[in-house]
Amino acid sequence: MRLQRPTNLVCCGQSQPADARMTESISYRLKEEEIPKYWNKADGQDHRGQLPAHAHSKAGKASLVGEIVETVQAAK
């Protein structure tokens, strides 16, 4: 049996003005090729992506579907 490591990044809204932001966090499931590049290396960075769709698990939890296209240092 092979144990799977967690592969979700938790996303939170950064829209301006703040009133337009999402009130809940949502996850983005990393693809196999993205795991070594982003997993445990995302702290202090903003990842921008093209996320044209969302999916729901059997339990009803939403996640984003797409790809990460840019990584920038988070603004302080």
PDB file of N, CA and C in Angstrom:
ATOM      1  N   MET A   1       0.844  -1.177   0.000  1.00  0.00           N
ATOM      2  CA  MET A   1       0.000   0.000   0.000  1.00  0.00           C
ATOM      3  C   MET A   1       0.888   1.239   0.000  1.00  0.00           C
ATOM      4  N   ARG A   2       0.638   2.131  -0.897  1.00  0.00           N
ATOM      5  CA  ARG A   2       1.409   3.374  -1.004  1.00  0.00           C
ATOM      6  C   ARG A   2       0.624   4.509  -0.355  1.00  0.00           C
ATOM      7  N   LEU A   3       1.249   5.180   0.583  1.00  0.00           N
ATOM      8  CA  LEU A   3       0.591   6.309   1.234  1.00  0.00           C
ATOM      9  C   LEU A   3       0.687   7.532   0.347  1.00  0.00           C
ATOM     10  N   GLN A   4      -0.404   8.233   0.205  1.00  0.00           N
ATOM     11  CA  GLN A   4      -0.401   9.469  -0.583  1.00  0.00           C
ATOM     12  C   GLN A   4      -0.147  10.643   0.340  1.00  0.00           C
ATOM     13  N   ARG A   5       0.746  11.510  -0.062  1.00  0.00           N
ATOM     14  CA  ARG A   5       0.964  12.722   0.726  1.00  0.00           C
ATOM     15  C   ARG A   5      -0.093  13.755   0.348  1.00  0.00           C
ATOM     16  N   PRO A   6      -0.409  14.641   1.266  1.00  0.00           N
ATOM     17  CA  PRO A   6      -1.406  15.665   0.929  1.00  0.00           C
ATOM     18  C   PRO A   6      -0.895  16.538  -0.211  1.00  0.00           C
ATOM     19  N   THR A   7      -1.766  16.862  -1.124  1.00  0.00           N
ATOM     20  CA  THR A   7      -1.335  17.617  -2.299  1.00  0.00           C
ATOM     21  C   THR A   7      -2.255  18.784  -2.601  1.00  0.00           C
ATOM     22  N   ASN A   8      -2.851  19.358  -1.592  1.00  0.00           N
ATOM     23  CA  ASN A   8      -3.728  20.508  -1.805  1.00  0.00           C
ATOM     24  C   ASN A   8      -3.089  21.769  -1.247  1.00  0.00           C
ATOM     25  N   LEU A   9      -3.139  22.837  -2.018  1.00  0.00           N
ATOM     26  CA  LEU A   9      -2.791  24.152  -1.500  1.00  0.00           C
ATOM     27  C   LEU A   9      -4.102  24.815  -1.103  1.00  0.00           C
ATOM     28  N   VAL A  10      -4.110  25.478   0.036  1.00  0.00           N
ATOM     29  CA  VAL A  10      -5.316  26.180   0.468  1.00  0.00           C
ATOM     30  C   VAL A  10      -5.257  27.595  -0.087  1.00  0.00           C
ATOM     31  N   CYS A  11      -6.285  28.003  -0.793  1.00  0.00           N
ATOM     32  CA  CYS A  11      -6.336  29.311  -1.443  1.00  0.00           C
ATOM     33  C   CYS A  11      -7.265  30.231  -0.666  1.00  0.00           C
ATOM     34  N   CYS A  12      -6.891  31.480  -0.585  1.00  0.00           N
ATOM     35  CA  CYS A  12      -7.764  32.466   0.049  1.00  0.00           C
ATOM     36  C   CYS A  12      -7.841  33.692  -0.852  1.00  0.00           C
ATOM     37  N   GLY A  13      -8.979  34.364  -0.802  1.00  0.00           N
ATOM     38  CA  GLY A  13      -9.220  35.501  -1.675  1.00  0.00           C
ATOM     39  C   GLY A  13      -8.326  36.685  -1.373  1.00  0.00           C
ATOM     40  N   GLN A  14      -7.874  37.358  -2.416  1.00  0.00           N
ATOM     41  CA  GLN A  14      -7.048  38.552  -2.291  1.00  0.00           C
ATOM     42  C   GLN A  14      -7.647  39.716  -3.075  1.00  0.00           C
ATOM     43  N   SER A  15      -8.903  39.605  -3.437  1.00  0.00           N
ATOM     44  CA  SER A  15      -9.550  40.629  -4.258  1.00  0.00           C
ATOM     45  C   SER A  15      -9.589  41.969  -3.537  1.00  0.00           C
ATOM     46  N   GLN A  16      -9.554  43.026  -4.325  1.00  0.00           N
ATOM     47  CA  GLN A  16      -9.683  44.388  -3.803  1.00  0.00           C
ATOM     48  C   GLN A  16     -10.927  45.005  -4.399  1.00  0.00           C
ATOM     49  N   PRO A  17     -11.756  45.653  -3.661  1.00  0.00           N
ATOM     50  CA  PRO A  17     -11.679  45.892  -2.227  1.00  0.00           C
ATOM     51  C   PRO A  17     -11.930  44.602  -1.445  1.00  0.00           C
ATOM     52  N   ALA A  18     -11.570  44.636  -0.171  1.00  0.00           N
ATOM     53  CA  ALA A  18     -11.667  43.442   0.667  1.00  0.00           C
ATOM     54  C   ALA A  18     -13.093  42.899   0.737  1.00  0.00           C
ATOM     55  N   ASP A  19     -14.084  43.755   0.570  1.00  0.00           N
ATOM     56  CA  ASP A  19     -15.484  43.299   0.608  1.00  0.00           C
ATOM     57  C   ASP A  19     -15.790  42.302  -0.511  1.00  0.00           C
ATOM     58  N   ALA A  20     -14.980  42.299  -1.580  1.00  0.00           N
ATOM     59  CA  ALA A  20     -15.218  41.420  -2.716  1.00  0.00           C
ATOM     60  C   ALA A  20     -14.554  40.052  -2.553  1.00  0.00           C
ATOM     61  N   ARG A  21     -13.811  39.844  -1.477  1.00  0.00           N
ATOM     62  CA  ARG A  21     -13.081  38.597  -1.283  1.00  0.00           C
ATOM     63  C   ARG A  21     -13.996  37.445  -0.903  1.00  0.00           C
ATOM     64  N   MET A  22     -13.536  36.234  -1.211  1.00  0.00           N
ATOM     65  CA  MET A  22     -14.234  35.029  -0.762  1.00  0.00           C
ATOM     66  C   MET A  22     -14.195  35.003   0.757  1.00  0.00           C
ATOM     67  N   THR A  23     -15.221  34.501   1.375  1.00  0.00           N
ATOM     68  CA  THR A  23     -15.237  34.421   2.832  1.00  0.00           C
ATOM     69  C   THR A  23     -14.744  33.074   3.334  1.00  0.00           C
ATOM     70  N   GLU A  24     -14.615  32.098   2.453  1.00  0.00           N
ATOM     71  CA  GLU A  24     -14.122  30.784   2.822  1.00  0.00           C
ATOM     72  C   GLU A  24     -12.891  30.453   1.992  1.00  0.00           C
ATOM     73  N   SER A  25     -12.050  29.572   2.511  1.00  0.00           N
ATOM     74  CA  SER A  25     -10.900  29.125   1.726  1.00  0.00           C
ATOM     75  C   SER A  25     -11.332  27.970   0.831  1.00  0.00           C
ATOM     76  N   ILE A  26     -10.578  27.747  -0.214  1.00  0.00           N
ATOM     77  CA  ILE A  26     -10.853  26.664  -1.161  1.00  0.00           C
ATOM     78  C   ILE A  26      -9.514  26.042  -1.538  1.00  0.00           C
ATOM     79  N   SER A  27      -9.507  24.769  -1.863  1.00  0.00           N
ATOM     80  CA  SER A  27      -8.238  24.102  -2.147  1.00  0.00           C
ATOM     81  C   SER A  27      -7.987  23.971  -3.643  1.00  0.00           C
ATOM     82  N   TYR A  28      -6.716  23.847  -3.970  1.00  0.00           N
ATOM     83  CA  TYR A  28      -6.268  23.575  -5.340  1.00  0.00           C
ATOM     84  C   TYR A  28      -5.437  22.303  -5.270  1.00  0.00           C
ATOM     85  N   ARG A  29      -5.842  21.276  -5.971  1.00  0.00           N
ATOM     86  CA  ARG A  29      -5.102  20.009  -5.953  1.00  0.00           C
ATOM     87  C   ARG A  29      -3.933  20.098  -6.926  1.00  0.00           C
ATOM     88  N   LEU A  30      -2.734  19.912  -6.383  1.00  0.00           N
ATOM     89  CA  LEU A  30      -1.527  19.943  -7.216  1.00  0.00           C
ATOM     90  C   LEU A  30      -1.474  18.714  -8.118  1.00  0.00           C
ATOM     91  N   LYS A  31      -1.006  18.925  -9.337  1.00  0.00           N
ATOM     92  CA  LYS A  31      -0.766  17.817 -10.262  1.00  0.00           C
ATOM     93  C   LYS A  31       0.561  17.163  -9.869  1.00  0.00           C
ATOM     94  N   GLU A  32       0.777  15.933 -10.302  1.00  0.00           N
ATOM     95  CA  GLU A  32       2.000  15.202  -9.949  1.00  0.00           C
ATOM     96  C   GLU A  32       3.265  16.012 -10.237  1.00  0.00           C
ATOM     97  N   GLU A  33       3.308  16.679 -11.399  1.00  0.00           N
ATOM     98  CA  GLU A  33       4.516  17.427 -11.765  1.00  0.00           C
ATOM     99  C   GLU A  33       4.662  18.721 -10.969  1.00  0.00           C
ATOM    100  N   GLU A  34       3.587  19.196 -10.342  1.00  0.00           N
ATOM    101  CA  GLU A  34       3.639  20.424  -9.548  1.00  0.00           C
ATOM    102  C   GLU A  34       4.070  20.173  -8.103  1.00  0.00           C
ATOM    103  N   ILE A  35       3.912  18.946  -7.624  1.00  0.00           N
ATOM    104  CA  ILE A  35       4.192  18.646  -6.221  1.00  0.00           C
ATOM    105  C   ILE A  35       5.618  19.015  -5.816  1.00  0.00           C
ATOM    106  N   PRO A  36       6.668  18.572  -6.530  1.00  0.00           N
ATOM    107  CA  PRO A  36       8.021  18.926  -6.092  1.00  0.00           C
ATOM    108  C   PRO A  36       8.314  20.423  -6.180  1.00  0.00           C
ATOM    109  N   LYS A  37       7.639  21.104  -7.073  1.00  0.00           N
ATOM    110  CA  LYS A  37       7.894  22.531  -7.286  1.00  0.00           C
ATOM    111  C   LYS A  37       7.233  23.410  -6.221  1.00  0.00           C
ATOM    112  N   TYR A  38       6.037  23.023  -5.746  1.00  0.00           N
ATOM    113  CA  TYR A  38       5.270  23.895  -4.860  1.00  0.00           C
ATOM    114  C   TYR A  38       5.043  23.360  -3.453  1.00  0.00           C
ATOM    115  N   TRP A  39       5.009  22.037  -3.258  1.00  0.00           N
ATOM    116  CA  TRP A  39       4.647  21.496  -1.945  1.00  0.00           C
ATOM    117  C   TRP A  39       5.726  21.807  -0.915  1.00  0.00           C
ATOM    118  N   ASN A  40       5.314  22.365   0.205  1.00  0.00           N
ATOM    119  CA  ASN A  40       6.189  22.807   1.301  1.00  0.00           C
ATOM    120  C   ASN A  40       7.096  23.956   0.895  1.00  0.00           C
ATOM    121  N   LYS A  41       6.815  24.630  -0.219  1.00  0.00           N
ATOM    122  CA  LYS A  41       7.610  25.765  -0.669  1.00  0.00           C
ATOM    123  C   LYS A  41       6.727  26.971  -0.942  1.00  0.00           C
ATOM    124  N   ALA A  42       5.459  26.897  -0.567  1.00  0.00           N
ATOM    125  CA  ALA A  42       4.499  27.939  -0.927  1.00  0.00           C
ATOM    126  C   ALA A  42       4.399  29.051   0.111  1.00  0.00           C
ATOM    127  N   ASP A  43       4.970  28.844   1.295  1.00  0.00           N
ATOM    128  CA  ASP A  43       4.879  29.869   2.341  1.00  0.00           C
ATOM    129  C   ASP A  43       5.526  31.173   1.901  1.00  0.00           C
ATOM    130  N   GLY A  44       4.830  32.275   2.112  1.00  0.00           N
ATOM    131  CA  GLY A  44       5.377  33.585   1.777  1.00  0.00           C
ATOM    132  C   GLY A  44       5.355  33.906   0.294  1.00  0.00           C
ATOM    133  N   GLN A  45       4.622  33.134  -0.486  1.00  0.00           N
ATOM    134  CA  GLN A  45       4.531  33.369  -1.924  1.00  0.00           C
ATOM    135  C   GLN A  45       3.075  33.448  -2.340  1.00  0.00           C
ATOM    136  N   ASP A  46       2.823  34.182  -3.388  1.00  0.00           N
ATOM    137  CA  ASP A  46       1.512  34.199  -4.015  1.00  0.00           C
ATOM    138  C   ASP A  46       1.622  33.418  -5.320  1.00  0.00           C
ATOM    139  N   HIS A  47       0.686  32.521  -5.536  1.00  0.00           N
ATOM    140  CA  HIS A  47       0.649  31.749  -6.774  1.00  0.00           C
ATOM    141  C   HIS A  47      -0.552  32.214  -7.563  1.00  0.00           C
ATOM    142  N   ARG A  48      -0.319  32.578  -8.780  1.00  0.00           N
ATOM    143  CA  ARG A  48      -1.415  33.020  -9.648  1.00  0.00           C
ATOM    144  C   ARG A  48      -1.662  31.940 -10.678  1.00  0.00           C
ATOM    145  N   GLY A  49      -2.922  31.697 -10.941  1.00  0.00           N
ATOM    146  CA  GLY A  49      -3.232  30.611 -11.844  1.00  0.00           C
ATOM    147  C   GLY A  49      -4.375  30.917 -12.778  1.00  0.00           C
ATOM    148  N   GLN A  50      -4.519  30.047 -13.745  1.00  0.00           N
ATOM    149  CA  GLN A  50      -5.678  30.054 -14.618  1.00  0.00           C
ATOM    150  C   GLN A  50      -6.570  28.938 -14.101  1.00  0.00           C
ATOM    151  N   LEU A  51      -7.680  29.322 -13.525  1.00  0.00           N
ATOM    152  CA  LEU A  51      -8.547  28.363 -12.857  1.00  0.00           C
ATOM    153  C   LEU A  51      -9.953  28.467 -13.434  1.00  0.00           C
ATOM    154  N   PRO A  52     -10.151  27.889 -14.606  1.00  0.00           N
ATOM    155  CA  PRO A  52     -11.406  28.084 -15.315  1.00  0.00           C
ATOM    156  C   PRO A  52     -12.575  27.263 -14.781  1.00  0.00           C
ATOM    157  N   ALA A  53     -12.329  26.362 -13.840  1.00  0.00           N
ATOM    158  CA  ALA A  53     -13.416  25.504 -13.379  1.00  0.00           C
ATOM    159  C   ALA A  53     -13.244  25.167 -11.908  1.00  0.00           C
ATOM    160  N   HIS A  54     -14.259  24.572 -11.348  1.00  0.00           N
ATOM    161  CA  HIS A  54     -14.173  24.051 -10.001  1.00  0.00           C
ATOM    162  C   HIS A  54     -14.826  22.678  -9.988  1.00  0.00           C
ATOM    163  N   ALA A  55     -14.466  21.877  -9.001  1.00  0.00           N
ATOM    164  CA  ALA A  55     -15.007  20.530  -8.875  1.00  0.00           C
ATOM    165  C   ALA A  55     -15.501  20.339  -7.454  1.00  0.00           C
ATOM    166  N   HIS A  56     -16.336  19.349  -7.261  1.00  0.00           N
ATOM    167  CA  HIS A  56     -16.832  19.031  -5.928  1.00  0.00           C
ATOM    168  C   HIS A  56     -16.570  17.555  -5.637  1.00  0.00           C
ATOM    169  N   SER A  57     -16.091  17.281  -4.422  1.00  0.00           N
ATOM    170  CA  SER A  57     -15.881  15.899  -4.014  1.00  0.00           C
ATOM    171  C   SER A  57     -17.231  15.258  -3.698  1.00  0.00           C
ATOM    172  N   LYS A  58     -17.215  13.965  -3.449  1.00  0.00           N
ATOM    173  CA  LYS A  58     -18.447  13.271  -3.075  1.00  0.00           C
ATOM    174  C   LYS A  58     -19.032  13.842  -1.791  1.00  0.00           C
ATOM    175  N   ALA A  59     -18.171  14.394  -0.949  1.00  0.00           N
ATOM    176  CA  ALA A  59     -18.629  15.003   0.301  1.00  0.00           C
ATOM    177  C   ALA A  59     -19.119  16.435   0.097  1.00  0.00           C
ATOM    178  N   GLY A  60     -18.993  16.949  -1.143  1.00  0.00           N
ATOM    179  CA  GLY A  60     -19.483  18.288  -1.448  1.00  0.00           C
ATOM    180  C   GLY A  60     -18.469  19.396  -1.284  1.00  0.00           C
ATOM    181  N   LYS A  61     -17.202  19.053  -0.959  1.00  0.00           N
ATOM    182  CA  LYS A  61     -16.168  20.068  -0.781  1.00  0.00           C
ATOM    183  C   LYS A  61     -15.671  20.539  -2.145  1.00  0.00           C
ATOM    184  N   ALA A  62     -15.612  21.852  -2.332  1.00  0.00           N
ATOM    185  CA  ALA A  62     -15.190  22.427  -3.617  1.00  0.00           C
ATOM    186  C   ALA A  62     -13.673  22.504  -3.710  1.00  0.00           C
ATOM    187  N   SER A  63     -13.147  22.395  -4.920  1.00  0.00           N
ATOM    188  CA  SER A  63     -11.727  22.631  -5.177  1.00  0.00           C
ATOM    189  C   SER A  63     -11.603  23.272  -6.554  1.00  0.00           C
ATOM    190  N   LEU A  64     -10.491  23.976  -6.759  1.00  0.00           N
ATOM    191  CA  LEU A  64     -10.234  24.665  -8.027  1.00  0.00           C
ATOM    192  C   LEU A  64      -9.544  23.733  -9.005  1.00  0.00           C
ATOM    193  N   VAL A  65      -9.844  23.899 -10.284  1.00  0.00           N
ATOM    194  CA  VAL A  65      -9.238  23.094 -11.339  1.00  0.00           C
ATOM    195  C   VAL A  65      -8.572  24.049 -12.321  1.00  0.00           C
ATOM    196  N   GLY A  66      -7.318  23.800 -12.652  1.00  0.00           N
ATOM    197  CA  GLY A  66      -6.602  24.665 -13.582  1.00  0.00           C
ATOM    198  C   GLY A  66      -5.110  24.423 -13.493  1.00  0.00           C
ATOM    199  N   GLU A  67      -4.345  25.507 -13.563  1.00  0.00           N
ATOM    200  CA  GLU A  67      -2.886  25.390 -13.472  1.00  0.00           C
ATOM    201  C   GLU A  67      -2.290  26.653 -12.878  1.00  0.00           C
ATOM    202  N   ILE A  68      -1.155  26.495 -12.195  1.00  0.00           N
ATOM    203  CA  ILE A  68      -0.424  27.639 -11.651  1.00  0.00           C
ATOM    204  C   ILE A  68       0.438  28.187 -12.772  1.00  0.00           C
ATOM    205  N   VAL A  69       0.348  29.480 -13.021  1.00  0.00           N
ATOM    206  CA  VAL A  69       1.099  30.072 -14.130  1.00  0.00           C
ATOM    207  C   VAL A  69       2.187  31.043 -13.671  1.00  0.00           C
ATOM    208  N   GLU A  70       2.130  31.489 -12.418  1.00  0.00           N
ATOM    209  CA  GLU A  70       3.120  32.468 -11.959  1.00  0.00           C
ATOM    210  C   GLU A  70       3.231  32.388 -10.445  1.00  0.00           C
ATOM    211  N   THR A  71       4.448  32.555  -9.939  1.00  0.00           N
ATOM    212  CA  THR A  71       4.700  32.623  -8.506  1.00  0.00           C
ATOM    213  C   THR A  71       5.441  33.914  -8.219  1.00  0.00           C
ATOM    214  N   VAL A  72       4.942  34.682  -7.258  1.00  0.00           N
ATOM    215  CA  VAL A  72       5.584  35.935  -6.875  1.00  0.00           C
ATOM    216  C   VAL A  72       5.711  35.998  -5.361  1.00  0.00           C
ATOM    217  N   GLN A  73       6.668  36.772  -4.891  1.00  0.00           N
ATOM    218  CA  GLN A  73       6.816  36.961  -3.453  1.00  0.00           C
ATOM    219  C   GLN A  73       5.602  37.697  -2.916  1.00  0.00           C
ATOM    220  N   ALA A  74       5.063  37.223  -1.811  1.00  0.00           N
ATOM    221  CA  ALA A  74       3.853  37.847  -1.241  1.00  0.00           C
ATOM    222  C   ALA A  74       4.155  39.259  -0.770  1.00  0.00           C
ATOM    223  N   ALA A  75       3.204  40.158  -1.015  1.00  0.00           N
ATOM    224  CA  ALA A  75       3.347  41.534  -0.545  1.00  0.00           C
ATOM    225  C   ALA A  75       3.176  41.571   0.966  1.00  0.00           C
ATOM    226  N   LYS A  76       3.943  42.436   1.607  1.00  0.00           N
ATOM    227  CA  LYS A  76       3.859  42.525   3.075  1.00  0.00           C
ATOM    228  C   LYS A  76       3.036  43.692   3.496  1.00  0.00           C
TER     229      LYS A  76
END
